[in-house]
Amino acid sequence: MFKKRNLIDDLVDYFKKNLKKGYTKESLRWALTNQGYSKFEVEKAMKRADIELAESAPILKTKPQIKYEVITDTEPEKKEGWF
């Protein structure tokens, strides 16, 4: 009837939620390994979270345009002194 969630699913949700809050991947890895989670589980969850977040990211339809502008300054601007 109900699907039992496993540890990796919980860690994936943890990563997704905290990455959206602005935490770095490295700080989340460090926190989870210090709490006793294995590095293998943490890395597996991080990869799955990256894939799921990439799938939900919007697709950019327009490419950014790079514009070049040549600035020529023939005479430096004169500044007035303090006195």
N, C-alpha and C. Protein backbone atom coordinates (compact mmCIF):
# COMPACT_ATOMS: atom_id res chain seq x y z
N MET A 1 0.82 -1.18 0.00
CA MET A 1 0.00 0.00 0.00
C MET A 1 0.87 1.25 0.00
N PHE A 2 1.69 1.43 1.02
CA PHE A 2 2.58 2.57 1.08
C PHE A 2 3.99 2.12 0.76
N LYS A 3 4.69 2.93 0.00
CA LYS A 3 6.06 2.61 -0.33
C LYS A 3 6.97 3.04 0.82
N LYS A 4 7.77 2.14 1.29
CA LYS A 4 8.68 2.44 2.38
C LYS A 4 9.86 3.24 1.83
N ARG A 5 10.11 4.37 2.44
CA ARG A 5 11.23 5.20 2.01
C ARG A 5 12.52 4.65 2.61
N ASN A 6 13.55 4.66 1.82
CA ASN A 6 14.83 4.21 2.35
C ASN A 6 15.71 5.40 2.71
N LEU A 7 16.87 5.11 3.22
CA LEU A 7 17.77 6.15 3.71
C LEU A 7 18.24 7.07 2.59
N ILE A 8 18.53 6.51 1.42
CA ILE A 8 19.03 7.32 0.31
C ILE A 8 17.97 8.34 -0.13
N ASP A 9 16.71 7.93 -0.17
CA ASP A 9 15.63 8.87 -0.53
C ASP A 9 15.55 10.02 0.46
N ASP A 10 15.70 9.71 1.74
CA ASP A 10 15.67 10.76 2.75
C ASP A 10 16.86 11.71 2.60
N LEU A 11 18.03 11.16 2.30
CA LEU A 11 19.21 12.01 2.11
C LEU A 11 19.09 12.87 0.85
N VAL A 12 18.49 12.32 -0.20
CA VAL A 12 18.27 13.09 -1.43
C VAL A 12 17.37 14.28 -1.13
N ASP A 13 16.30 14.05 -0.41
CA ASP A 13 15.40 15.15 -0.03
C ASP A 13 16.13 16.18 0.83
N TYR A 14 16.97 15.70 1.74
CA TYR A 14 17.75 16.60 2.61
C TYR A 14 18.67 17.48 1.76
N PHE A 15 19.37 16.88 0.80
CA PHE A 15 20.26 17.65 -0.06
C PHE A 15 19.50 18.68 -0.89
N LYS A 16 18.42 18.26 -1.51
CA LYS A 16 17.66 19.17 -2.37
C LYS A 16 17.11 20.35 -1.57
N LYS A 17 16.57 20.07 -0.40
CA LYS A 17 15.99 21.13 0.42
C LYS A 17 17.06 22.13 0.87
N ASN A 18 18.21 21.63 1.31
CA ASN A 18 19.24 22.50 1.85
C ASN A 18 20.06 23.19 0.76
N LEU A 19 20.19 22.59 -0.41
CA LEU A 19 20.84 23.29 -1.52
C LEU A 19 20.00 24.47 -1.97
N LYS A 20 18.67 24.32 -1.96
CA LYS A 20 17.79 25.43 -2.31
C LYS A 20 17.87 26.55 -1.28
N LYS A 21 18.19 26.20 -0.03
CA LYS A 21 18.35 27.22 1.00
C LYS A 21 19.66 27.98 0.87
N GLY A 22 20.61 27.42 0.12
CA GLY A 22 21.87 28.12 -0.10
C GLY A 22 23.09 27.49 0.52
N TYR A 23 22.94 26.32 1.15
CA TYR A 23 24.10 25.64 1.72
C TYR A 23 24.95 25.04 0.61
N THR A 24 26.24 24.93 0.85
CA THR A 24 27.13 24.34 -0.14
C THR A 24 27.11 22.82 -0.02
N LYS A 25 27.47 22.16 -1.12
CA LYS A 25 27.51 20.69 -1.12
C LYS A 25 28.53 20.19 -0.10
N GLU A 26 29.66 20.87 -0.05
CA GLU A 26 30.73 20.43 0.86
C GLU A 26 30.29 20.52 2.32
N SER A 27 29.58 21.58 2.68
CA SER A 27 29.13 21.71 4.07
C SER A 27 28.09 20.64 4.42
N LEU A 28 27.24 20.30 3.46
CA LEU A 28 26.25 19.25 3.70
C LEU A 28 26.91 17.88 3.82
N ARG A 29 27.91 17.62 2.97
CA ARG A 29 28.65 16.35 3.07
C ARG A 29 29.31 16.23 4.43
N TRP A 30 29.96 17.30 4.85
CA TRP A 30 30.68 17.31 6.11
C TRP A 30 29.73 17.07 7.28
N ALA A 31 28.58 17.75 7.25
CA ALA A 31 27.60 17.60 8.34
C ALA A 31 27.08 16.17 8.42
N LEU A 32 26.78 15.57 7.28
CA LEU A 32 26.22 14.22 7.30
C LEU A 32 27.26 13.17 7.71
N THR A 33 28.49 13.31 7.26
CA THR A 33 29.51 12.33 7.66
C THR A 33 29.84 12.48 9.14
N ASN A 34 29.76 13.69 9.68
CA ASN A 34 29.99 13.87 11.12
C ASN A 34 28.83 13.34 11.95
N GLN A 35 27.66 13.19 11.35
CA GLN A 35 26.51 12.63 12.06
C GLN A 35 26.48 11.10 11.98
N GLY A 36 27.44 10.51 11.26
CA GLY A 36 27.55 9.06 11.25
C GLY A 36 27.13 8.38 9.96
N TYR A 37 26.72 9.13 8.95
CA TYR A 37 26.35 8.52 7.67
C TYR A 37 27.63 8.14 6.92
N SER A 38 27.58 7.05 6.17
CA SER A 38 28.76 6.61 5.44
C SER A 38 28.99 7.52 4.22
N LYS A 39 30.25 7.63 3.84
CA LYS A 39 30.58 8.48 2.69
C LYS A 39 29.94 7.95 1.41
N PHE A 40 29.81 6.65 1.31
CA PHE A 40 29.19 6.04 0.13
C PHE A 40 27.73 6.47 0.01
N GLU A 41 26.99 6.40 1.12
CA GLU A 41 25.59 6.80 1.10
C GLU A 41 25.44 8.28 0.78
N VAL A 42 26.30 9.10 1.37
CA VAL A 42 26.23 10.54 1.15
C VAL A 42 26.52 10.87 -0.31
N GLU A 43 27.55 10.25 -0.89
CA GLU A 43 27.90 10.53 -2.28
C GLU A 43 26.82 10.04 -3.24
N LYS A 44 26.25 8.88 -2.96
CA LYS A 44 25.18 8.35 -3.81
C LYS A 44 23.97 9.28 -3.78
N ALA A 45 23.61 9.75 -2.60
CA ALA A 45 22.47 10.67 -2.47
C ALA A 45 22.76 12.00 -3.14
N MET A 46 24.00 12.47 -3.04
CA MET A 46 24.37 13.75 -3.67
C MET A 46 24.26 13.65 -5.19
N LYS A 47 24.71 12.55 -5.77
CA LYS A 47 24.62 12.38 -7.22
C LYS A 47 23.16 12.33 -7.67
N ARG A 48 22.33 11.62 -6.93
CA ARG A 48 20.91 11.54 -7.29
C ARG A 48 20.23 12.89 -7.15
N ALA A 49 20.59 13.64 -6.11
CA ALA A 49 20.00 14.97 -5.91
C ALA A 49 20.41 15.90 -7.05
N ASP A 50 21.68 15.81 -7.48
CA ASP A 50 22.15 16.63 -8.61
C ASP A 50 21.36 16.31 -9.88
N ILE A 51 21.14 15.04 -10.13
CA ILE A 51 20.40 14.63 -11.33
C ILE A 51 18.96 15.13 -11.27
N GLU A 52 18.31 14.97 -10.12
CA GLU A 52 16.92 15.40 -9.99
C GLU A 52 16.78 16.91 -10.09
N LEU A 53 17.73 17.65 -9.52
CA LEU A 53 17.69 19.11 -9.61
C LEU A 53 17.96 19.58 -11.05
N ALA A 54 18.84 18.87 -11.75
CA ALA A 54 19.14 19.24 -13.14
C ALA A 54 17.93 18.98 -14.04
N GLU A 55 17.19 17.93 -13.76
CA GLU A 55 16.01 17.63 -14.57
C GLU A 55 14.91 18.67 -14.38
N SER A 56 14.82 19.24 -13.19
CA SER A 56 13.77 20.22 -12.93
C SER A 56 14.19 21.65 -13.25
N ALA A 57 15.44 21.85 -13.66
CA ALA A 57 15.92 23.20 -13.98
C ALA A 57 15.30 23.67 -15.29
N PRO A 58 15.01 24.96 -15.40
CA PRO A 58 14.42 25.46 -16.64
C PRO A 58 15.44 25.43 -17.78
N ILE A 59 14.95 25.22 -18.98
CA ILE A 59 15.81 25.18 -20.16
C ILE A 59 15.84 26.58 -20.77
N LEU A 60 17.04 27.10 -20.95
CA LEU A 60 17.19 28.43 -21.53
C LEU A 60 17.03 28.32 -23.05
N LYS A 61 16.14 29.13 -23.59
CA LYS A 61 15.88 29.07 -25.02
C LYS A 61 16.72 30.06 -25.81
N THR A 62 17.19 31.10 -25.17
CA THR A 62 18.02 32.08 -25.87
C THR A 62 19.43 32.01 -25.32
N LYS A 63 20.36 32.19 -26.21
CA LYS A 63 21.75 32.20 -25.80
C LYS A 63 22.15 33.63 -25.47
N PRO A 64 22.99 33.81 -24.49
CA PRO A 64 23.43 35.18 -24.18
C PRO A 64 24.30 35.72 -25.31
N GLN A 65 24.17 36.99 -25.56
CA GLN A 65 24.95 37.63 -26.62
C GLN A 65 26.08 38.42 -25.99
N ILE A 66 27.26 38.23 -26.54
CA ILE A 66 28.42 38.96 -26.06
C ILE A 66 28.63 40.15 -26.98
N LYS A 67 28.64 41.33 -26.39
CA LYS A 67 28.83 42.55 -27.17
C LYS A 67 30.18 43.14 -26.82
N TYR A 68 30.87 43.58 -27.85
CA TYR A 68 32.16 44.20 -27.67
C TYR A 68 32.03 45.69 -27.95
N GLU A 69 32.66 46.49 -27.10
CA GLU A 69 32.62 47.93 -27.29
C GLU A 69 34.04 48.45 -27.07
N VAL A 70 34.51 49.20 -28.04
CA VAL A 70 35.85 49.76 -27.94
C VAL A 70 35.72 51.16 -27.34
N ILE A 71 36.42 51.37 -26.26
CA ILE A 71 36.40 52.67 -25.60
C ILE A 71 37.74 53.33 -25.82
N THR A 72 37.69 54.49 -26.43
CA THR A 72 38.92 55.25 -26.66
C THR A 72 38.87 56.49 -25.80
N ASP A 73 39.88 56.68 -25.03
CA ASP A 73 39.98 57.83 -24.16
C ASP A 73 41.26 58.57 -24.56
N THR A 74 41.09 59.62 -25.33
CA THR A 74 42.25 60.32 -25.87
C THR A 74 42.86 61.26 -24.85
N GLU A 75 42.05 61.89 -24.04
CA GLU A 75 42.56 62.86 -23.08
C GLU A 75 42.00 62.52 -21.70
N PRO A 76 42.88 62.36 -20.71
CA PRO A 76 42.38 62.02 -19.39
C PRO A 76 41.54 63.16 -18.80
N GLU A 77 40.60 62.79 -18.00
CA GLU A 77 39.71 63.77 -17.39
C GLU A 77 40.46 64.54 -16.31
N LYS A 78 40.31 65.89 -16.31
CA LYS A 78 40.98 66.72 -15.31
C LYS A 78 40.14 66.76 -14.05
N LYS A 79 40.80 66.51 -12.92
CA LYS A 79 40.11 66.52 -11.64
C LYS A 79 40.54 67.75 -10.85
N GLU A 80 39.60 68.30 -10.14
CA GLU A 80 39.91 69.46 -9.31
C GLU A 80 40.50 68.98 -8.00
N GLY A 81 41.41 69.77 -7.42
CA GLY A 81 42.05 69.41 -6.16
C GLY A 81 41.14 69.64 -4.97
N TRP A 82 41.59 69.25 -3.84
CA TRP A 82 40.83 69.38 -2.61
C TRP A 82 40.85 70.81 -2.08
N PHE A 83 41.87 71.54 -2.43
CA PHE A 83 42.05 72.88 -1.85
C PHE A 83 41.48 73.94 -2.71
